[in-house]
Amino acid sequence: MSGGEVAAWPDALFDVLVARDVRQVAYVPDAGHSRLIECCEAHPDMTATVLTTEEEGVALLAGAWLGGDRGVLLMQSSGVGNCVNMFTLIENCRMPLVALVTMRGEWGEFNPWQEPMGRATPDVLARMNLQVHRADTPEDAAPMLDAAIRQSFDGFSASAVLLSQRLIGRKAFEAER
């Protein structure tokens, strides 16, 4: 993957959010989402809300929907477990939800604490009745997000797009010397 591709796919995701009239973006700070977060924060018609924990985003986006706005939740796979109980709100009230999840614990992961939730994330989301899509290449990312947004907001359902660690790039830990 070239440097141009790395920079291009987050911008393509942002273009999808704009095209699909997403006005609210809830997120826990994450390096894998950093470019997308910057774009959302800079857009005059979007409200980007930093969260202290991921499940707050589920409630915030339910409120946004009730107030007439479309929203997306940005989080890391390690935060999916924090949302399990709140996903019942989405299902029982038949509200749309779109989660964009950067994966950890996969390809070349340096942190063994990320591996269990990384392995469990697709199954946890599916068991909570979210439709799960996975983007492994830059070309997959924007079309999958577009499909998830259409599916969720047209069908009053929940979906998650998993952005693989290979796509977002391996995080590295370097000890100070």
Protein backbone atom coordinates (compact mmCIF):
# COMPACT_ATOMS: atom_id res chain seq x y z
CA MET A 1 0.00 0.00 0.00
CA SER A 2 1.45 3.36 -0.98
CA GLY A 3 1.40 6.49 1.16
CA GLY A 4 -1.23 7.98 -1.16
CA GLU A 5 -3.59 5.07 -0.50
CA VAL A 6 -3.12 5.41 3.24
CA ALA A 7 -4.14 9.08 3.06
CA ALA A 8 -6.93 8.54 0.51
CA TRP A 9 -9.22 6.00 2.17
CA PRO A 10 -10.05 8.08 5.30
CA ASP A 11 -10.91 10.98 3.00
CA ALA A 12 -13.15 8.66 0.96
CA LEU A 13 -14.91 7.62 4.19
CA PHE A 14 -15.45 11.29 5.02
CA ASP A 15 -16.90 11.90 1.55
CA VAL A 16 -19.41 9.11 2.19
CA LEU A 17 -20.42 10.69 5.52
CA VAL A 18 -21.02 14.03 3.79
CA ALA A 19 -22.90 12.44 0.87
CA ARG A 20 -25.15 10.49 3.25
CA ASP A 21 -25.92 13.60 5.36
CA VAL A 22 -24.24 12.38 8.55
CA ARG A 23 -24.30 15.30 11.01
CA GLN A 24 -23.14 13.71 14.28
CA VAL A 25 -19.89 11.79 14.81
CA ALA A 26 -19.20 10.32 18.22
CA TYR A 27 -15.72 8.98 18.94
CA VAL A 28 -13.18 7.86 21.47
CA PRO A 29 -9.80 9.22 20.32
CA ASP A 30 -7.98 6.64 18.20
CA ALA A 31 -4.97 6.93 15.90
CA GLY A 32 -6.68 4.71 13.32
CA HIS A 33 -9.50 7.24 13.00
CA SER A 34 -7.34 10.38 13.36
CA ARG A 35 -7.63 11.64 9.77
CA LEU A 36 -11.38 11.00 9.65
CA ILE A 37 -11.86 12.74 13.01
CA GLU A 38 -9.90 15.79 11.76
CA CYS A 39 -12.14 16.02 8.68
CA CYS A 40 -15.33 15.71 10.76
CA GLU A 41 -14.19 18.32 13.28
CA ALA A 42 -13.38 20.75 10.47
CA HIS A 43 -16.72 20.36 8.66
CA PRO A 44 -19.11 23.21 9.54
CA ASP A 45 -22.24 21.03 9.34
CA MET A 46 -20.97 18.18 11.52
CA THR A 47 -20.77 17.90 15.26
CA ALA A 48 -17.88 15.70 16.38
CA THR A 49 -18.23 14.67 20.02
CA VAL A 50 -15.36 13.13 21.95
CA LEU A 51 -16.51 10.43 24.36
CA THR A 52 -15.03 9.12 27.58
CA THR A 53 -16.30 5.61 26.79
CA GLU A 54 -17.82 4.02 23.70
CA GLU A 55 -21.25 3.17 25.11
CA GLU A 56 -21.91 6.90 25.57
CA GLY A 57 -21.80 7.10 21.79
CA VAL A 58 -24.65 4.63 21.37
CA ALA A 59 -26.89 6.76 23.60
CA LEU A 60 -25.71 10.02 22.01
CA LEU A 61 -26.48 8.75 18.52
CA ALA A 62 -29.89 7.43 19.60
CA GLY A 63 -30.66 10.94 20.82
CA ALA A 64 -29.30 12.45 17.60
CA TRP A 65 -31.61 10.17 15.59
CA LEU A 66 -34.61 11.17 17.71
CA GLY A 67 -33.65 14.79 17.08
CA GLY A 68 -33.52 14.29 13.31
CA ASP A 69 -29.78 13.79 12.72
CA ARG A 70 -27.85 10.88 11.31
CA GLY A 71 -24.74 9.87 13.20
CA VAL A 72 -21.83 7.45 13.18
CA LEU A 73 -19.86 5.96 16.07
CA LEU A 74 -16.08 5.70 15.63
CA MET A 75 -14.28 3.31 17.94
CA GLN A 76 -11.58 0.69 18.30
CA SER A 77 -12.36 -3.03 18.57
CA SER A 78 -11.38 -2.92 22.24
CA GLY A 79 -14.38 -0.65 22.86
CA VAL A 80 -16.99 -2.99 21.36
CA GLY A 81 -17.29 -4.91 24.61
CA ASN A 82 -18.17 -1.67 26.41
CA CYS A 83 -21.23 -1.24 24.17
CA VAL A 84 -22.92 -4.64 24.47
CA ASN A 85 -25.61 -3.59 26.94
CA MET A 86 -26.32 -0.33 25.06
CA PHE A 87 -26.78 -2.21 21.76
CA THR A 88 -30.05 -3.52 23.24
CA LEU A 89 -31.39 0.06 23.13
CA ILE A 90 -30.81 0.16 19.38
CA GLU A 91 -32.40 -3.22 18.74
CA ASN A 92 -35.41 -2.84 21.04
CA CYS A 93 -36.22 0.66 19.79
CA ARG A 94 -35.45 -0.19 16.14
CA MET A 95 -33.11 2.74 15.76
CA PRO A 96 -30.38 2.93 13.16
CA LEU A 97 -26.75 2.73 14.26
CA VAL A 98 -23.56 2.72 12.23
CA ALA A 99 -20.28 1.91 13.95
CA LEU A 100 -16.94 2.30 12.22
CA VAL A 101 -14.51 0.06 14.12
CA THR A 102 -10.73 0.08 13.78
CA MET A 103 -9.47 -3.40 14.53
CA ARG A 104 -6.70 -4.27 16.97
CA GLY A 105 -5.26 -7.61 17.97
CA GLU A 106 -4.75 -8.70 14.38
CA TRP A 107 -2.00 -8.52 11.80
CA GLY A 108 1.30 -7.77 13.52
CA GLU A 109 -0.21 -6.61 16.82
CA PHE A 110 2.41 -5.77 19.44
CA ASN A 111 0.03 -5.64 22.40
CA PRO A 112 -1.28 -9.04 23.57
CA TRP A 113 -4.01 -7.31 25.61
CA GLN A 114 -5.68 -6.29 22.32
CA GLU A 115 -5.87 -9.83 20.91
CA PRO A 116 -8.86 -11.33 22.81
CA MET A 117 -11.29 -8.52 21.95
CA GLY A 118 -9.89 -8.28 18.44
CA ARG A 119 -10.76 -11.95 17.89
CA ALA A 120 -14.19 -11.60 19.55
CA THR A 121 -15.34 -8.35 17.92
CA PRO A 122 -17.02 -9.75 14.76
CA ASP A 123 -18.89 -12.41 16.74
CA VAL A 124 -19.90 -10.03 19.54
CA LEU A 125 -21.33 -7.56 17.03
CA ALA A 126 -23.17 -10.29 15.11
CA ARG A 127 -24.60 -11.75 18.34
CA MET A 128 -25.94 -8.27 19.19
CA ASN A 129 -27.67 -8.27 15.77
CA LEU A 130 -25.44 -5.78 14.03
CA GLN A 131 -24.77 -6.48 10.37
CA VAL A 132 -20.97 -6.81 10.15
CA HIS A 133 -18.95 -5.67 7.12
CA ARG A 134 -15.15 -5.89 6.93
CA ALA A 135 -12.83 -3.66 4.90
CA ASP A 136 -9.39 -5.13 4.26
CA THR A 137 -8.32 -2.88 1.38
CA PRO A 138 -8.53 0.86 0.71
CA GLU A 139 -10.92 0.11 -2.16
CA ASP A 140 -13.34 -1.70 0.20
CA ALA A 141 -13.64 0.97 2.89
CA ALA A 142 -15.87 3.67 1.35
CA PRO A 143 -18.30 1.34 -0.48
CA MET A 144 -18.77 -0.72 2.68
CA LEU A 145 -19.44 2.37 4.78
CA ASP A 146 -21.91 3.62 2.16
CA ALA A 147 -23.72 0.26 2.18
CA ALA A 148 -23.81 0.19 5.99
CA ILE A 149 -25.24 3.72 6.19
CA ARG A 150 -27.92 2.95 3.61
CA GLN A 151 -28.80 -0.34 5.27
CA SER A 152 -29.00 1.13 8.75
CA PHE A 153 -30.85 4.35 8.04
CA ASP A 154 -33.18 2.94 5.39
CA GLY A 155 -33.92 -0.24 7.34
CA PHE A 156 -33.79 1.04 10.94
CA SER A 157 -31.08 -1.45 11.83
CA ALA A 158 -27.54 -1.53 13.14
CA SER A 159 -24.34 -2.17 11.24
CA ALA A 160 -20.64 -2.10 11.84
CA VAL A 161 -17.81 -1.69 9.38
CA LEU A 162 -14.61 -3.26 10.63
CA LEU A 163 -11.47 -1.55 9.34
CA SER A 164 -8.82 -4.27 9.48
CA GLN A 165 -5.50 -3.67 11.17
CA ARG A 166 -3.80 -4.38 7.88
CA LEU A 167 -5.79 -1.51 6.32
CA ILE A 168 -5.22 1.01 9.12
CA GLY A 169 -1.59 0.01 9.61
CA ARG A 170 0.24 -1.89 12.28
CA LYS A 171 0.79 0.05 15.47
CA ALA A 172 4.30 -0.21 16.84
CA PHE A 173 5.63 0.15 20.37
CA GLU A 174 9.09 1.57 20.71
CA ALA A 175 10.65 1.67 24.15
CA GLU A 176 12.51 4.83 25.01
CA ARG A 177 16.26 4.42 25.06
